[in-house]
Amino acid sequence: MYIKYLSISLSALLISSCNQKNTTSAQKTTDSATVTTNKEVSNPTDLHKGSVTDKSIDQGLEWLESIFKTKNSDKYFPEYNVEEKLCTKRFQEFIADSGELYGPSNLTDEEYPAAEKKYKAKWSNIYPIEEREMWLFGRGNGDIGELKQLDINKIKDGLYQVFIDYGEGIKTQNEVTLVHEHGDYKIDYCKTEFVD
């Protein structure tokens, strides 16, 4: 009977220790999960490292930089008639109207005052009137090619500063307003100043 009692006691002890081992293992797993969860909560930047980097990319700045890039250069002025490709339709029209008045024009001296009055009435509530011919980035109306210097900096969302040294003493400081149009960026205004 002693052997039978010893056998039952050992079996009960063995079963009890197995259950205790499973409970301890389950507790360790729970503790491990708690530590992991607490670690994730205590350092939330670990969870968002990828998205923080993605948000820091300024797509408007990248778009502006891309218009001056070719296979061989990061400082090449875009092809002739860039306004059609890079500007909103409204800004293109403004540039064309200013060119008609303040650039080479077919207007007679008698037609000019009425045309200027109409121009100012049409545009003064939309764009600043500068009473001079307007070409994007102060380029004139010919091909440019390689630039001596190009610096593009963000002022704030949608507003950028573009410095261009064309060479031969011609430099411009440009304040460029970008907007979204049909899923792409377009220039909706460019204030240009010639600098020494």
Protein backbone atom coordinates (compact mmCIF):
# COMPACT_ATOMS: atom_id res chain seq x y z
CA MET A 1 0.00 0.00 0.00
CA TYR A 2 2.91 2.31 0.71
CA ILE A 3 4.09 1.89 -2.91
CA LYS A 4 0.61 2.58 -4.22
CA TYR A 5 0.42 5.75 -2.06
CA LEU A 6 3.90 6.82 -3.22
CA SER A 7 2.92 6.26 -6.86
CA ILE A 8 -0.23 8.36 -6.50
CA SER A 9 1.70 11.13 -4.70
CA LEU A 10 4.41 11.20 -7.37
CA SER A 11 1.80 11.30 -10.15
CA ALA A 12 -0.04 14.16 -8.44
CA LEU A 13 3.26 16.02 -7.92
CA LEU A 14 4.24 15.49 -11.55
CA ILE A 15 0.86 16.71 -12.83
CA SER A 16 0.99 19.69 -10.48
CA SER A 17 4.48 20.69 -11.59
CA CYS A 18 3.50 20.44 -15.28
CA ASN A 19 0.52 22.74 -14.71
CA GLN A 20 2.69 25.17 -12.75
CA LYS A 21 5.31 25.19 -15.53
CA ASN A 22 2.61 26.01 -18.13
CA THR A 23 1.25 28.79 -15.91
CA THR A 24 4.75 30.24 -15.45
CA SER A 25 5.39 30.02 -19.18
CA ALA A 26 2.08 31.73 -19.91
CA GLN A 27 2.91 34.45 -17.35
CA LYS A 28 6.31 35.02 -18.99
CA THR A 29 4.62 35.33 -22.40
CA THR A 30 2.12 37.83 -20.99
CA ASP A 31 4.92 39.79 -19.28
CA SER A 32 6.91 39.78 -22.52
CA ALA A 33 3.91 41.07 -24.47
CA THR A 34 3.35 43.77 -21.86
CA VAL A 35 6.98 44.87 -22.10
CA THR A 36 6.80 45.00 -25.89
CA THR A 37 3.57 46.98 -25.81
CA ASN A 38 4.94 49.39 -23.21
CA LYS A 39 8.13 49.84 -25.25
CA GLU A 40 6.12 50.69 -28.40
CA VAL A 41 3.97 53.19 -26.52
CA SER A 42 6.89 54.80 -24.71
CA ASN A 43 8.75 55.46 -27.96
CA PRO A 44 6.10 56.23 -30.62
CA THR A 45 8.66 57.65 -33.06
CA ASP A 46 9.90 54.10 -33.68
CA LEU A 47 6.48 53.26 -35.10
CA HIS A 48 6.42 56.28 -37.43
CA LYS A 49 10.02 56.64 -38.60
CA GLY A 50 9.12 55.88 -42.22
CA SER A 51 6.17 58.25 -42.32
CA VAL A 52 8.12 61.12 -40.71
CA THR A 53 10.75 60.84 -43.43
CA ASP A 54 8.11 60.69 -46.16
CA LYS A 55 6.35 63.81 -44.85
CA SER A 56 9.58 65.80 -44.81
CA ILE A 57 9.88 65.58 -48.60
CA ASP A 58 8.69 68.81 -50.23
CA GLN A 59 7.13 67.78 -53.52
CA GLY A 60 6.75 71.37 -54.70
CA LEU A 61 10.46 71.99 -54.23
CA GLU A 62 11.27 68.73 -56.01
CA TRP A 63 9.02 69.74 -58.91
CA LEU A 64 10.71 73.13 -59.24
CA GLU A 65 14.15 71.49 -59.18
CA SER A 66 13.05 68.94 -61.79
CA ILE A 67 12.16 71.59 -64.38
CA PHE A 68 15.83 72.64 -64.53
CA LYS A 69 17.23 69.09 -64.82
CA THR A 70 18.38 67.26 -67.89
CA LYS A 71 20.40 64.05 -68.31
CA ASN A 72 23.60 66.06 -68.14
CA SER A 73 22.82 68.99 -65.84
CA ASP A 74 20.93 70.14 -62.75
CA LYS A 75 21.11 73.78 -63.90
CA TYR A 76 19.63 73.91 -67.37
CA PHE A 77 16.89 76.32 -68.30
CA PRO A 78 13.86 74.56 -69.82
CA GLU A 79 13.14 74.73 -73.53
CA TYR A 80 11.62 77.68 -75.35
CA ASN A 81 7.97 78.57 -74.53
CA VAL A 82 8.16 77.22 -70.98
CA GLU A 83 5.09 79.17 -69.87
CA GLU A 84 2.78 76.84 -71.77
CA LYS A 85 4.20 73.79 -70.02
CA LEU A 86 4.88 75.17 -66.52
CA CYS A 87 2.24 77.83 -65.80
CA THR A 88 -1.47 77.87 -65.10
CA LYS A 89 -3.61 78.99 -68.05
CA ARG A 90 -4.53 82.14 -66.14
CA PHE A 91 -0.88 83.11 -65.51
CA GLN A 92 0.00 82.34 -69.14
CA GLU A 93 -2.70 84.73 -70.25
CA PHE A 94 -1.43 87.39 -67.83
CA ILE A 95 2.11 87.05 -69.20
CA ALA A 96 0.82 87.28 -72.81
CA ASP A 97 -1.28 90.36 -71.99
CA SER A 98 1.65 92.11 -70.28
CA GLY A 99 3.85 91.29 -73.28
CA GLU A 100 1.29 92.83 -75.62
CA LEU A 101 1.36 96.08 -73.65
CA TYR A 102 4.88 96.43 -72.33
CA GLY A 103 6.88 94.45 -74.88
CA PRO A 104 7.05 94.72 -78.65
CA SER A 105 3.47 95.56 -79.59
CA ASN A 106 1.22 96.17 -82.56
CA LEU A 107 -0.83 98.73 -80.61
CA THR A 108 -0.90 102.27 -81.95
CA ASP A 109 -0.38 105.25 -79.67
CA GLU A 110 -4.12 105.87 -79.80
CA GLU A 111 -5.02 102.25 -78.87
CA TYR A 112 -2.50 101.92 -76.08
CA PRO A 113 -4.28 103.86 -73.24
CA ALA A 114 -7.54 101.94 -73.69
CA ALA A 115 -5.67 98.60 -73.87
CA GLU A 116 -3.70 99.40 -70.71
CA LYS A 117 -6.87 100.41 -68.86
CA LYS A 118 -8.56 97.15 -69.90
CA TYR A 119 -5.45 95.16 -68.85
CA LYS A 120 -5.34 96.75 -65.39
CA ALA A 121 -9.08 96.28 -64.85
CA LYS A 122 -8.79 92.61 -65.82
CA TRP A 123 -5.72 91.70 -63.75
CA SER A 124 -5.24 94.13 -60.85
CA ASN A 125 -7.41 92.08 -58.46
CA ILE A 126 -5.53 88.88 -59.36
CA TYR A 127 -1.84 89.73 -59.90
CA PRO A 128 0.36 92.74 -59.11
CA ILE A 129 0.63 95.06 -62.11
CA GLU A 130 4.27 95.90 -62.82
CA GLU A 131 3.96 97.82 -66.09
CA ARG A 132 6.71 95.84 -67.78
CA GLU A 133 7.06 92.82 -69.98
CA MET A 134 6.80 89.60 -67.93
CA TRP A 135 8.66 86.45 -68.87
CA LEU A 136 9.01 83.51 -66.51
CA PHE A 137 12.14 83.87 -64.33
CA GLY A 138 13.07 87.02 -66.29
CA ARG A 139 14.41 84.91 -69.13
CA GLY A 140 13.46 87.08 -72.08
CA ASN A 141 11.94 85.34 -75.07
CA GLY A 142 14.84 83.24 -76.32
CA ASP A 143 16.52 79.97 -75.45
CA ILE A 144 18.88 80.07 -72.46
CA GLY A 145 20.65 76.74 -71.92
CA GLU A 146 23.14 76.15 -69.11
CA LEU A 147 22.86 78.39 -66.05
CA LYS A 148 25.84 79.69 -64.08
CA GLN A 149 24.00 79.31 -60.77
CA LEU A 150 20.60 78.07 -59.57
CA ASP A 151 19.36 78.15 -55.97
CA ILE A 152 15.83 77.13 -54.97
CA ASN A 153 14.55 77.56 -51.41
CA LYS A 154 11.17 77.15 -49.78
CA ILE A 155 9.70 80.27 -48.16
CA LYS A 156 6.49 78.54 -47.02
CA ASP A 157 3.99 76.03 -48.43
CA GLY A 158 3.39 76.88 -52.07
CA LEU A 159 5.90 79.78 -52.13
CA TYR A 160 9.53 79.41 -53.23
CA GLN A 161 12.53 81.62 -53.93
CA VAL A 162 14.47 80.87 -57.11
CA PHE A 163 17.78 82.65 -57.75
CA ILE A 164 19.18 82.34 -61.27
CA ASP A 165 22.51 83.56 -62.65
CA TYR A 166 22.19 83.39 -66.44
CA GLY A 167 25.76 84.56 -66.96
CA GLU A 168 26.96 87.75 -68.65
CA GLY A 169 25.82 89.77 -65.60
CA ILE A 170 22.13 88.78 -65.80
CA LYS A 171 20.76 87.51 -62.48
CA THR A 172 17.20 87.25 -61.20
CA GLN A 173 15.59 86.70 -57.83
CA ASN A 174 12.16 85.10 -58.29
CA GLU A 175 9.33 84.51 -55.85
CA VAL A 176 7.31 81.63 -57.28
CA THR A 177 3.78 80.62 -56.28
CA LEU A 178 2.88 76.99 -57.00
CA VAL A 179 -0.61 75.51 -57.17
CA HIS A 180 -2.02 72.09 -58.02
CA GLU A 181 -3.74 71.91 -61.39
CA HIS A 182 -5.07 68.62 -62.77
CA GLY A 183 -2.90 66.57 -60.40
CA ASP A 184 0.36 68.35 -61.17
CA TYR A 185 2.16 71.46 -59.98
CA LYS A 186 1.91 74.66 -61.99
CA ILE A 187 3.31 78.14 -61.49
CA ASP A 188 0.50 80.60 -60.81
CA TYR A 189 2.72 83.65 -60.29
CA CYS A 190 6.38 84.56 -60.51
CA LYS A 191 7.58 87.89 -59.18
CA THR A 192 10.94 88.62 -60.79
CA GLU A 193 13.57 91.15 -59.77
CA PHE A 194 16.82 91.67 -61.62
CA VAL A 195 19.78 91.81 -59.22
CA ASP A 196 23.43 92.84 -59.48
